[in-house]
Amino acid sequence: MASRFRHAALVGKYQAPGSRAVLANVAEFLTSQGLEVSLDAGTALAVGLSDYGALDAAAIGAQCDLVVVVGGDGTMIATARMLARHGLPLMGINQGRLGFMTDISISELRETLAPMIAGDYEEEHRTLLEGCVKRPSAHGVESLYESFAVNDVVVSRGASASMVELRVDVQEQFVANFRADGLIVASPTGSTAYALSAGGPILHPGIAGWVMVPIAPHALSNRPIVLPDTGEVRIEIVSGREAIVNFDHQSLASLLNGDCICVRRSEHRMRVLHPRGWSYYATLRRKLHWNEGVLPETGA
């Protein structure tokens, strides 16, 4: 069966034990399916696979038409952020427990990946967050930082500080001042991550919205809210020492009072390829253990 793809970039969680052998196995299999294979530069440098070319993010975007990620959801998220501007489809191979997005088991690599490479797969699109940090200055407003996020943007207190006070505006309308340990703005993908552990709801990836979740709020009436993803969420630091903002755990520390974090929907999307028959609900059942303690049905 002919390959639908021409050139695959291989990205790995190279800190994991045995990752070099796993990556070599995946690269060999992709080559056997008729694909040219290149490693991303960081992976190539770490594992020392010299039989394949090494490309940086820009070169992957220009030369490749498929990205195969070997690792876990964290590796998948980091790769999606790195390549967000290029719109390449991602396949996720998990070395350990199956993840929310890395749903191809390494033990079933060949039988699962071969039909997908030939074009037999389910394609899913996930929205991305895009944000920046702005600071007032004598010359106007200075942009300190810009980034993408697959899961969430989190504004929180520093490790040694008390709670922060945050002013939140959505679509240029004032919402509230929150006194809390922090605030999460999560995509539907991120609704099953930190936002879920903080008490937020699960959003199906097809929902055009964000989840905004206060972290340990001072007022118990400050509850999670689902927002439309059509406007900007603006979070101003009113008070609080050593405040931090995280874009998918990429941190910018020592924010000042008056700094603003602006979050909006990115024009770019994350493209994920799943095996045929993949189900979001089956993933939730498996990852959240919804079937635990349920007795099997029996006949009459």
C-alpha atoms as a PDB file:
ATOM      1  CA  MET A   1       0.000   0.000   0.000  1.00  0.00           C
ATOM      2  CA  ALA A   2       1.509   3.356  -1.039  1.00  0.00           C
ATOM      3  CA  SER A   3       2.312   6.009   1.539  1.00  0.00           C
ATOM      4  CA  ARG A   4       0.213   9.143   1.617  1.00  0.00           C
ATOM      5  CA  PHE A   5       3.129  11.035   3.128  1.00  0.00           C
ATOM      6  CA  ARG A   6       6.560  11.815   1.745  1.00  0.00           C
ATOM      7  CA  HIS A   7       8.811  13.101   4.521  1.00  0.00           C
ATOM      8  CA  ALA A   8       8.307  12.509   8.259  1.00  0.00           C
ATOM      9  CA  ALA A   9       9.934  14.434  11.088  1.00  0.00           C
ATOM     10  CA  LEU A  10      10.576  12.299  14.169  1.00  0.00           C
ATOM     11  CA  VAL A  11      10.456  13.940  17.591  1.00  0.00           C
ATOM     12  CA  GLY A  12      11.230  12.002  20.760  1.00  0.00           C
ATOM     13  CA  LYS A  13      11.133  12.214  24.527  1.00  0.00           C
ATOM     14  CA  TYR A  14      14.823  11.512  24.601  1.00  0.00           C
ATOM     15  CA  GLN A  15      15.155  11.673  28.416  1.00  0.00           C
ATOM     16  CA  ALA A  16      13.169   8.426  28.776  1.00  0.00           C
ATOM     17  CA  PRO A  17      15.167   5.199  29.344  1.00  0.00           C
ATOM     18  CA  GLY A  18      15.701   3.232  26.142  1.00  0.00           C
ATOM     19  CA  SER A  19      14.500   6.114  23.954  1.00  0.00           C
ATOM     20  CA  ARG A  20      17.341   5.749  21.436  1.00  0.00           C
ATOM     21  CA  ALA A  21      16.384   2.160  20.596  1.00  0.00           C
ATOM     22  CA  VAL A  22      12.693   3.064  20.367  1.00  0.00           C
ATOM     23  CA  LEU A  23      13.355   6.022  18.076  1.00  0.00           C
ATOM     24  CA  ALA A  24      15.648   3.923  15.884  1.00  0.00           C
ATOM     25  CA  ASN A  25      12.901   1.289  15.595  1.00  0.00           C
ATOM     26  CA  VAL A  26      10.282   3.879  14.619  1.00  0.00           C
ATOM     27  CA  ALA A  27      12.618   5.551  12.119  1.00  0.00           C
ATOM     28  CA  GLU A  28      13.446   2.193  10.509  1.00  0.00           C
ATOM     29  CA  PHE A  29       9.762   1.328  10.207  1.00  0.00           C
ATOM     30  CA  LEU A  30       8.864   4.691   8.645  1.00  0.00           C
ATOM     31  CA  THR A  31      11.696   4.261   6.154  1.00  0.00           C
ATOM     32  CA  SER A  32      10.420   0.776   5.284  1.00  0.00           C
ATOM     33  CA  GLN A  33       7.068   2.360   4.437  1.00  0.00           C
ATOM     34  CA  GLY A  34       8.707   4.587   1.827  1.00  0.00           C
ATOM     35  CA  LEU A  35       9.072   7.789   3.853  1.00  0.00           C
ATOM     36  CA  GLU A  36      12.132   9.969   4.098  1.00  0.00           C
ATOM     37  CA  VAL A  37      12.851  10.459   7.808  1.00  0.00           C
ATOM     38  CA  SER A  38      14.534  13.343   9.611  1.00  0.00           C
ATOM     39  CA  LEU A  39      14.924  13.908  13.343  1.00  0.00           C
ATOM     40  CA  ASP A  40      14.246  17.232  14.955  1.00  0.00           C
ATOM     41  CA  ALA A  41      17.517  18.860  15.941  1.00  0.00           C
ATOM     42  CA  GLY A  42      17.061  18.472  19.710  1.00  0.00           C
ATOM     43  CA  THR A  43      16.210  14.794  19.456  1.00  0.00           C
ATOM     44  CA  ALA A  44      19.091  14.086  17.062  1.00  0.00           C
ATOM     45  CA  LEU A  45      21.602  15.821  19.328  1.00  0.00           C
ATOM     46  CA  ALA A  46      20.391  13.961  22.434  1.00  0.00           C
ATOM     47  CA  VAL A  47      20.195  10.411  21.100  1.00  0.00           C
ATOM     48  CA  GLY A  48      22.954  10.446  18.483  1.00  0.00           C
ATOM     49  CA  LEU A  49      21.108   8.748  15.621  1.00  0.00           C
ATOM     50  CA  SER A  50      23.431   9.727  12.783  1.00  0.00           C
ATOM     51  CA  ASP A  51      21.728   7.738  10.017  1.00  0.00           C
ATOM     52  CA  TYR A  52      19.060  10.420   9.584  1.00  0.00           C
ATOM     53  CA  GLY A  53      19.152  14.130   8.908  1.00  0.00           C
ATOM     54  CA  ALA A  54      18.499  16.696  11.624  1.00  0.00           C
ATOM     55  CA  LEU A  55      16.169  19.671  11.075  1.00  0.00           C
ATOM     56  CA  ASP A  56      15.178  22.658  13.189  1.00  0.00           C
ATOM     57  CA  ALA A  57      11.537  23.757  13.502  1.00  0.00           C
ATOM     58  CA  ALA A  58      11.628  26.053  10.464  1.00  0.00           C
ATOM     59  CA  ALA A  59      13.170  23.350   8.272  1.00  0.00           C
ATOM     60  CA  ILE A  60      10.620  20.776   9.476  1.00  0.00           C
ATOM     61  CA  GLY A  61       7.834  23.173   8.536  1.00  0.00           C
ATOM     62  CA  ALA A  62       9.315  23.735   5.092  1.00  0.00           C
ATOM     63  CA  GLN A  63      10.359  20.179   4.194  1.00  0.00           C
ATOM     64  CA  CYS A  64       8.129  17.693   6.054  1.00  0.00           C
ATOM     65  CA  ASP A  65       4.474  16.731   5.630  1.00  0.00           C
ATOM     66  CA  LEU A  66       4.113  14.580   8.774  1.00  0.00           C
ATOM     67  CA  VAL A  67       5.412  14.711  12.340  1.00  0.00           C
ATOM     68  CA  VAL A  68       5.664  11.502  14.380  1.00  0.00           C
ATOM     69  CA  VAL A  69       5.997  12.146  18.114  1.00  0.00           C
ATOM     70  CA  VAL A  70       7.361   9.414  20.391  1.00  0.00           C
ATOM     71  CA  GLY A  71       6.798  10.045  24.090  1.00  0.00           C
ATOM     72  CA  GLY A  72       3.801  11.191  26.089  1.00  0.00           C
ATOM     73  CA  ASP A  73       1.273  13.996  25.995  1.00  0.00           C
ATOM     74  CA  GLY A  74       3.914  16.420  27.299  1.00  0.00           C
ATOM     75  CA  THR A  75       6.140  15.712  24.309  1.00  0.00           C
ATOM     76  CA  MET A  76       3.138  16.049  22.000  1.00  0.00           C
ATOM     77  CA  ILE A  77       2.201  19.417  23.500  1.00  0.00           C
ATOM     78  CA  ALA A  78       5.752  20.748  23.272  1.00  0.00           C
ATOM     79  CA  THR A  79       5.959  19.642  19.635  1.00  0.00           C
ATOM     80  CA  ALA A  80       2.601  21.220  18.787  1.00  0.00           C
ATOM     81  CA  ARG A  81       3.763  24.525  20.274  1.00  0.00           C
ATOM     82  CA  MET A  82       7.094  24.357  18.447  1.00  0.00           C
ATOM     83  CA  LEU A  83       5.448  23.712  15.070  1.00  0.00           C
ATOM     84  CA  ALA A  84       2.165  25.609  15.564  1.00  0.00           C
ATOM     85  CA  ARG A  85       2.762  27.987  12.675  1.00  0.00           C
ATOM     86  CA  HIS A  86       3.329  25.219  10.132  1.00  0.00           C
ATOM     87  CA  GLY A  87       0.022  23.290  10.313  1.00  0.00           C
ATOM     88  CA  LEU A  88       1.623  19.845  10.052  1.00  0.00           C
ATOM     89  CA  PRO A  89      -0.331  16.730  11.117  1.00  0.00           C
ATOM     90  CA  LEU A  90       0.959  14.965  14.230  1.00  0.00           C
ATOM     91  CA  MET A  91       0.856  11.259  15.089  1.00  0.00           C
ATOM     92  CA  GLY A  92       1.515  10.368  18.724  1.00  0.00           C
ATOM     93  CA  ILE A  93       3.268   7.130  19.754  1.00  0.00           C
ATOM     94  CA  ASN A  94       3.302   6.475  23.487  1.00  0.00           C
ATOM     95  CA  GLN A  95       6.136   4.514  25.059  1.00  0.00           C
ATOM     96  CA  GLY A  96       4.252   3.899  28.317  1.00  0.00           C
ATOM     97  CA  ARG A  97       0.638   4.483  29.271  1.00  0.00           C
ATOM     98  CA  LEU A  98      -1.585   5.703  26.465  1.00  0.00           C
ATOM     99  CA  GLY A  99      -2.258   9.426  26.683  1.00  0.00           C
ATOM    100  CA  PHE A 100      -5.053  11.724  25.647  1.00  0.00           C
ATOM    101  CA  MET A 101      -3.286  12.516  22.367  1.00  0.00           C
ATOM    102  CA  THR A 102      -0.450   9.976  22.107  1.00  0.00           C
ATOM    103  CA  ASP A 103      -2.763   7.044  21.493  1.00  0.00           C
ATOM    104  CA  ILE A 104      -0.630   4.674  19.406  1.00  0.00           C
ATOM    105  CA  SER A 105       0.947   2.004  21.572  1.00  0.00           C
ATOM    106  CA  ILE A 106       4.600   1.214  20.863  1.00  0.00           C
ATOM    107  CA  SER A 107       3.745  -2.489  21.207  1.00  0.00           C
ATOM    108  CA  GLU A 108       1.267  -2.179  18.311  1.00  0.00           C
ATOM    109  CA  LEU A 109       3.345   0.209  16.256  1.00  0.00           C
ATOM    110  CA  ARG A 110       3.538  -1.660  12.968  1.00  0.00           C
ATOM    111  CA  GLU A 111      -0.053  -2.837  12.665  1.00  0.00           C
ATOM    112  CA  THR A 112      -1.440   0.566  13.733  1.00  0.00           C
ATOM    113  CA  LEU A 113       0.923   2.921  11.937  1.00  0.00           C
ATOM    114  CA  ALA A 114       1.039   1.204   8.538  1.00  0.00           C
ATOM    115  CA  PRO A 115      -2.610   1.895   7.560  1.00  0.00           C
ATOM    116  CA  MET A 116      -2.375   5.428   8.958  1.00  0.00           C
ATOM    117  CA  ILE A 117       0.641   6.200   6.780  1.00  0.00           C
ATOM    118  CA  ALA A 118      -1.396   4.927   3.833  1.00  0.00           C
ATOM    119  CA  GLY A 119      -4.175   7.423   4.658  1.00  0.00           C
ATOM    120  CA  ASP A 120      -6.526   5.367   6.839  1.00  0.00           C
ATOM    121  CA  TYR A 121      -6.885   7.549   9.937  1.00  0.00           C
ATOM    122  CA  GLU A 122      -9.158   9.930  11.842  1.00  0.00           C
ATOM    123  CA  GLU A 123      -8.044  13.582  11.704  1.00  0.00           C
ATOM    124  CA  GLU A 124      -8.880  15.891  14.590  1.00  0.00           C
ATOM    125  CA  HIS A 125      -8.331  19.634  14.835  1.00  0.00           C
ATOM    126  CA  ARG A 126      -7.696  21.283  18.212  1.00  0.00           C
ATOM    127  CA  THR A 127      -7.769  25.018  18.881  1.00  0.00           C
ATOM    128  CA  LEU A 128      -4.686  26.682  20.342  1.00  0.00           C
ATOM    129  CA  LEU A 129      -4.328  29.561  22.759  1.00  0.00           C
ATOM    130  CA  GLU A 130      -2.113  32.486  21.881  1.00  0.00           C
ATOM    131  CA  GLY A 131      -1.096  35.075  24.401  1.00  0.00           C
ATOM    132  CA  CYS A 132       1.256  37.834  25.405  1.00  0.00           C
ATOM    133  CA  VAL A 133       2.410  39.703  28.484  1.00  0.00           C
ATOM    134  CA  LYS A 134       2.298  43.513  28.365  1.00  0.00           C
ATOM    135  CA  ARG A 135       3.766  46.070  30.757  1.00  0.00           C
ATOM    136  CA  PRO A 136       3.034  49.801  30.925  1.00  0.00           C
ATOM    137  CA  SER A 137       6.114  51.961  30.421  1.00  0.00           C
ATOM    138  CA  ALA A 138       7.025  55.606  29.967  1.00  0.00           C
ATOM    139  CA  HIS A 139       6.865  55.065  26.204  1.00  0.00           C
ATOM    140  CA  GLY A 140       3.492  53.302  26.129  1.00  0.00           C
ATOM    141  CA  VAL A 141       3.006  49.546  26.472  1.00  0.00           C
ATOM    142  CA  GLU A 142       5.898  47.115  26.218  1.00  0.00           C
ATOM    143  CA  SER A 143       5.381  43.518  25.054  1.00  0.00           C
ATOM    144  CA  LEU A 144       7.465  41.236  27.271  1.00  0.00           C
ATOM    145  CA  TYR A 145       6.575  37.794  25.982  1.00  0.00           C
ATOM    146  CA  GLU A 146       4.454  36.010  23.365  1.00  0.00           C
ATOM    147  CA  SER A 147       3.698  32.314  23.075  1.00  0.00           C
ATOM    148  CA  PHE A 148       1.261  29.584  22.079  1.00  0.00           C
ATOM    149  CA  ALA A 149      -0.379  27.158  24.480  1.00  0.00           C
ATOM    150  CA  VAL A 150      -2.084  23.856  23.750  1.00  0.00           C
ATOM    151  CA  ASN A 151      -3.444  23.326  27.265  1.00  0.00           C
ATOM    152  CA  ASP A 152      -3.585  26.510  29.272  1.00  0.00           C
ATOM    153  CA  VAL A 153      -2.295  29.871  30.360  1.00  0.00           C
ATOM    154  CA  VAL A 154      -1.943  30.055  34.161  1.00  0.00           C
ATOM    155  CA  VAL A 155      -1.356  33.178  36.228  1.00  0.00           C
ATOM    156  CA  SER A 156      -0.373  32.326  39.809  1.00  0.00           C
ATOM    157  CA  ARG A 157       1.322  33.557  42.947  1.00  0.00           C
ATOM    158  CA  GLY A 158       5.014  32.996  43.530  1.00  0.00           C
ATOM    159  CA  ALA A 159       6.238  30.130  45.668  1.00  0.00           C
ATOM    160  CA  SER A 160       6.806  32.310  48.743  1.00  0.00           C
ATOM    161  CA  ALA A 161       4.040  34.848  48.228  1.00  0.00           C
ATOM    162  CA  SER A 162       0.449  35.110  49.412  1.00  0.00           C
ATOM    163  CA  MET A 163      -2.513  35.117  47.054  1.00  0.00           C
ATOM    164  CA  VAL A 164      -2.741  37.511  44.127  1.00  0.00           C
ATOM    165  CA  GLU A 165      -5.521  39.865  43.098  1.00  0.00           C
ATOM    166  CA  LEU A 166      -6.365  39.727  39.409  1.00  0.00           C
ATOM    167  CA  ARG A 167      -8.695  41.912  37.365  1.00  0.00           C
ATOM    168  CA  VAL A 168     -10.329  39.997  34.515  1.00  0.00           C
ATOM    169  CA  ASP A 169     -11.915  41.498  31.399  1.00  0.00           C
ATOM    170  CA  VAL A 170     -13.465  39.382  28.642  1.00  0.00           C
ATOM    171  CA  GLN A 171     -14.180  40.903  25.235  1.00  0.00           C
ATOM    172  CA  GLU A 172     -13.474  44.348  26.765  1.00  0.00           C
ATOM    173  CA  GLN A 173     -16.117  43.817  29.453  1.00  0.00           C
ATOM    174  CA  PHE A 174     -15.161  43.798  33.118  1.00  0.00           C
ATOM    175  CA  VAL A 175     -15.868  40.429  34.780  1.00  0.00           C
ATOM    176  CA  ALA A 176     -14.487  40.615  38.331  1.00  0.00           C
ATOM    177  CA  ASN A 177     -11.480  41.063  40.566  1.00  0.00           C
ATOM    178  CA  PHE A 178     -10.376  37.646  41.820  1.00  0.00           C
ATOM    179  CA  ARG A 179      -8.318  37.121  44.973  1.00  0.00           C
ATOM    180  CA  ALA A 180      -6.890  33.623  44.688  1.00  0.00           C
ATOM    181  CA  ASP A 181      -3.749  31.539  44.355  1.00  0.00           C
ATOM    182  CA  GLY A 182      -4.128  32.033  40.626  1.00  0.00           C
ATOM    183  CA  LEU A 183      -6.303  31.749  37.550  1.00  0.00           C
ATOM    184  CA  ILE A 184      -6.358  29.213  34.699  1.00  0.00           C
ATOM    185  CA  VAL A 185      -7.533  29.913  31.158  1.00  0.00           C
ATOM    186  CA  ALA A 186      -7.702  26.517  29.450  1.00  0.00           C
ATOM    187  CA  SER A 187      -8.567  25.288  25.982  1.00  0.00           C
ATOM    188  CA  PRO A 188     -10.875  22.259  25.562  1.00  0.00           C
ATOM    189  CA  THR A 189      -7.683  20.176  25.326  1.00  0.00           C
ATOM    190  CA  GLY A 190      -6.452  21.661  28.602  1.00  0.00           C
ATOM    191  CA  SER A 191      -9.806  21.179  30.321  1.00  0.00           C
ATOM    192  CA  THR A 192      -8.675  17.650  31.260  1.00  0.00           C
ATOM    193  CA  ALA A 193      -5.362  18.895  32.689  1.00  0.00           C
ATOM    194  CA  TYR A 194      -4.703  21.446  35.465  1.00  0.00           C
ATOM    195  CA  ALA A 195      -8.144  23.022  35.051  1.00  0.00           C
ATOM    196  CA  LEU A 196      -9.815  19.691  35.843  1.00  0.00           C
ATOM    197  CA  SER A 197      -7.790  19.203  39.026  1.00  0.00           C
ATOM    198  CA  ALA A 198      -8.762  22.745  40.092  1.00  0.00           C
ATOM    199  CA  GLY A 199     -12.466  21.915  39.782  1.00  0.00           C
ATOM    200  CA  GLY A 200     -13.218  22.966  36.206  1.00  0.00           C
ATOM    201  CA  PRO A 201     -15.518  21.134  33.772  1.00  0.00           C
ATOM    202  CA  ILE A 202     -14.459  18.965  30.842  1.00  0.00           C
ATOM    203  CA  LEU A 203     -14.978  20.622  27.456  1.00  0.00           C
ATOM    204  CA  HIS A 204     -15.321  18.470  24.350  1.00  0.00           C
ATOM    205  CA  PRO A 205     -12.687  19.520  21.767  1.00  0.00           C
ATOM    206  CA  GLY A 206     -15.507  20.468  19.389  1.00  0.00           C
ATOM    207  CA  ILE A 207     -16.720  23.220  21.739  1.00  0.00           C
ATOM    208  CA  ALA A 208     -15.642  26.718  20.699  1.00  0.00           C
ATOM    209  CA  GLY A 209     -14.848  27.922  24.176  1.00  0.00           C
ATOM    210  CA  TRP A 210     -12.384  28.310  27.027  1.00  0.00           C
ATOM    211  CA  VAL A 211     -12.586  27.310  30.672  1.00  0.00           C
ATOM    212  CA  MET A 212     -11.627  29.984  33.210  1.00  0.00           C
ATOM    213  CA  VAL A 213     -10.942  28.471  36.630  1.00  0.00           C
ATOM    214  CA  PRO A 214      -9.839  30.321  39.809  1.00  0.00           C
ATOM    215  CA  ILE A 215      -7.228  28.424  41.847  1.00  0.00           C
ATOM    216  CA  ALA A 216      -8.142  28.274  45.552  1.00  0.00           C
ATOM    217  CA  PRO A 217     -10.195  31.514  45.453  1.00  0.00           C
ATOM    218  CA  HIS A 218     -10.691  33.616  48.598  1.00  0.00           C
ATOM    219  CA  ALA A 219     -14.439  33.814  47.903  1.00  0.00           C
ATOM    220  CA  LEU A 220     -16.167  30.445  47.484  1.00  0.00           C
ATOM    221  CA  SER A 221     -18.608  32.109  45.083  1.00  0.00           C
ATOM    222  CA  ASN A 222     -15.783  32.498  42.527  1.00  0.00           C
ATOM    223  CA  ARG A 223     -16.606  29.514  40.340  1.00  0.00           C
ATOM    224  CA  PRO A 224     -15.287  28.169  37.008  1.00  0.00           C
ATOM    225  CA  ILE A 225     -16.940  29.640  33.933  1.00  0.00           C
ATOM    226  CA  VAL A 226     -17.029  28.580  30.281  1.00  0.00           C
ATOM    227  CA  LEU A 227     -16.303  31.474  27.918  1.00  0.00           C
ATOM    228  CA  PRO A 228     -16.651  31.859  24.150  1.00  0.00           C
ATOM    229  CA  ASP A 229     -13.314  31.726  22.355  1.00  0.00           C
ATOM    230  CA  THR A 230     -14.169  34.604  20.029  1.00  0.00           C
ATOM    231  CA  GLY A 231     -12.748  37.413  22.155  1.00  0.00           C
ATOM    232  CA  GLU A 232      -9.725  38.280  24.255  1.00  0.00           C
ATOM    233  CA  VAL A 233      -9.335  37.445  27.932  1.00  0.00           C
ATOM    234  CA  ARG A 234      -7.318  40.151  29.691  1.00  0.00           C
ATOM    235  CA  ILE A 235      -5.848  39.463  33.137  1.00  0.00           C
ATOM    236  CA  GLU A 236      -4.267  42.380  35.008  1.00  0.00           C
ATOM    237  CA  ILE A 237      -2.158  41.867  38.113  1.00  0.00           C
ATOM    238  CA  VAL A 238      -3.669  44.264  40.645  1.00  0.00           C
ATOM    239  CA  SER A 239      -1.587  43.144  43.617  1.00  0.00           C
ATOM    240  CA  GLY A 240       0.698  40.283  44.551  1.00  0.00           C
ATOM    241  CA  ARG A 241       4.446  39.734  44.823  1.00  0.00           C
ATOM    242  CA  GLU A 242       6.407  37.434  42.524  1.00  0.00           C
ATOM    243  CA  ALA A 243       3.441  36.586  40.292  1.00  0.00           C
ATOM    244  CA  ILE A 244       4.131  34.053  37.544  1.00  0.00           C
ATOM    245  CA  VAL A 245       2.530  33.277  34.191  1.00  0.00           C
ATOM    246  CA  ASN A 246       2.853  29.845  32.538  1.00  0.00           C
ATOM    247  CA  PHE A 247       2.123  28.950  28.915  1.00  0.00           C
ATOM    248  CA  ASP A 248       1.920  25.130  29.054  1.00  0.00           C
ATOM    249  CA  HIS A 249       4.425  25.192  31.941  1.00  0.00           C
ATOM    250  CA  GLN A 250       6.768  27.584  30.101  1.00  0.00           C
ATOM    251  CA  SER A 251       7.226  30.189  32.844  1.00  0.00           C
ATOM    252  CA  LEU A 252       7.733  33.933  32.922  1.00  0.00           C
ATOM    253  CA  ALA A 253       8.395  34.959  36.524  1.00  0.00           C
ATOM    254  CA  SER A 254       8.534  38.180  38.551  1.00  0.00           C
ATOM    255  CA  LEU A 255       5.601  39.950  36.998  1.00  0.00           C
ATOM    256  CA  LEU A 256       4.771  43.389  38.366  1.00  0.00           C
ATOM    257  CA  ASN A 257       1.527  44.984  39.465  1.00  0.00           C
ATOM    258  CA  GLY A 258      -0.061  46.510  36.372  1.00  0.00           C
ATOM    259  CA  ASP A 259       1.253  43.813  34.022  1.00  0.00           C
ATOM    260  CA  CYS A 260      -1.430  42.359  31.733  1.00  0.00           C
ATOM    261  CA  ILE A 261      -1.708  38.882  30.291  1.00  0.00           C
ATOM    262  CA  CYS A 262      -3.824  38.823  27.135  1.00  0.00           C
ATOM    263  CA  VAL A 263      -5.137  35.475  25.847  1.00  0.00           C
ATOM    264  CA  ARG A 264      -6.991  34.809  22.604  1.00  0.00           C
ATOM    265  CA  ARG A 265      -7.662  32.011  20.123  1.00  0.00           C
ATOM    266  CA  SER A 266      -4.779  31.438  17.750  1.00  0.00           C
ATOM    267  CA  GLU A 267      -5.323  31.448  14.012  1.00  0.00           C
ATOM    268  CA  HIS A 268      -3.306  28.201  13.980  1.00  0.00           C
ATOM    269  CA  ARG A 269      -4.710  24.813  14.937  1.00  0.00           C
ATOM    270  CA  MET A 270      -3.248  21.556  16.129  1.00  0.00           C
ATOM    271  CA  ARG A 271      -3.827  18.677  13.702  1.00  0.00           C
ATOM    272  CA  VAL A 272      -3.783  15.227  15.314  1.00  0.00           C
ATOM    273  CA  LEU A 273      -4.075  11.950  13.404  1.00  0.00           C
ATOM    274  CA  HIS A 274      -5.661   9.026  15.271  1.00  0.00           C
ATOM    275  CA  PRO A 275      -6.097   5.367  14.310  1.00  0.00           C
ATOM    276  CA  ARG A 276      -9.367   4.543  12.557  1.00  0.00           C
ATOM    277  CA  GLY A 277     -12.095   3.952  15.135  1.00  0.00           C
ATOM    278  CA  TRP A 278     -10.606   6.367  17.668  1.00  0.00           C
ATOM    279  CA  SER A 279     -13.146   7.830  20.104  1.00  0.00           C
ATOM    280  CA  TYR A 280     -12.760  10.833  22.411  1.00  0.00           C
ATOM    281  CA  TYR A 281     -15.211   9.276  24.856  1.00  0.00           C
ATOM    282  CA  ALA A 282     -13.278   6.014  24.945  1.00  0.00           C
ATOM    283  CA  THR A 283     -10.178   8.055  25.788  1.00  0.00           C
ATOM    284  CA  LEU A 284     -12.007   9.726  28.669  1.00  0.00           C
ATOM    285  CA  ARG A 285     -13.210   6.363  29.974  1.00  0.00           C
ATOM    286  CA  ARG A 286      -9.696   4.963  29.892  1.00  0.00           C
ATOM    287  CA  LYS A 287      -7.825   7.954  31.299  1.00  0.00           C
ATOM    288  CA  LEU A 288     -10.352   8.956  33.957  1.00  0.00           C
ATOM    289  CA  HIS A 289     -11.235   5.361  34.941  1.00  0.00           C
ATOM    290  CA  TRP A 290     -14.957   5.935  34.489  1.00  0.00           C
ATOM    291  CA  ASN A 291     -15.625   2.191  34.193  1.00  0.00           C
ATOM    292  CA  GLU A 292     -13.971   1.259  37.469  1.00  0.00           C
ATOM    293  CA  GLY A 293     -16.414  -0.532  39.780  1.00  0.00           C
ATOM    294  CA  VAL A 294     -19.021  -0.976  37.062  1.00  0.00           C
ATOM    295  CA  LEU A 295     -20.357  -4.512  36.853  1.00  0.00           C
ATOM    296  CA  PRO A 296     -20.526  -6.036  33.368  1.00  0.00           C
ATOM    297  CA  GLU A 297     -23.970  -6.444  31.866  1.00  0.00           C
ATOM    298  CA  THR A 298     -25.416  -9.929  31.998  1.00  0.00           C
ATOM    299  CA  GLY A 299     -28.090 -11.546  29.867  1.00  0.00           C
ATOM    300  CA  ALA A 300     -31.659 -11.977  31.056  1.00  0.00           C
END
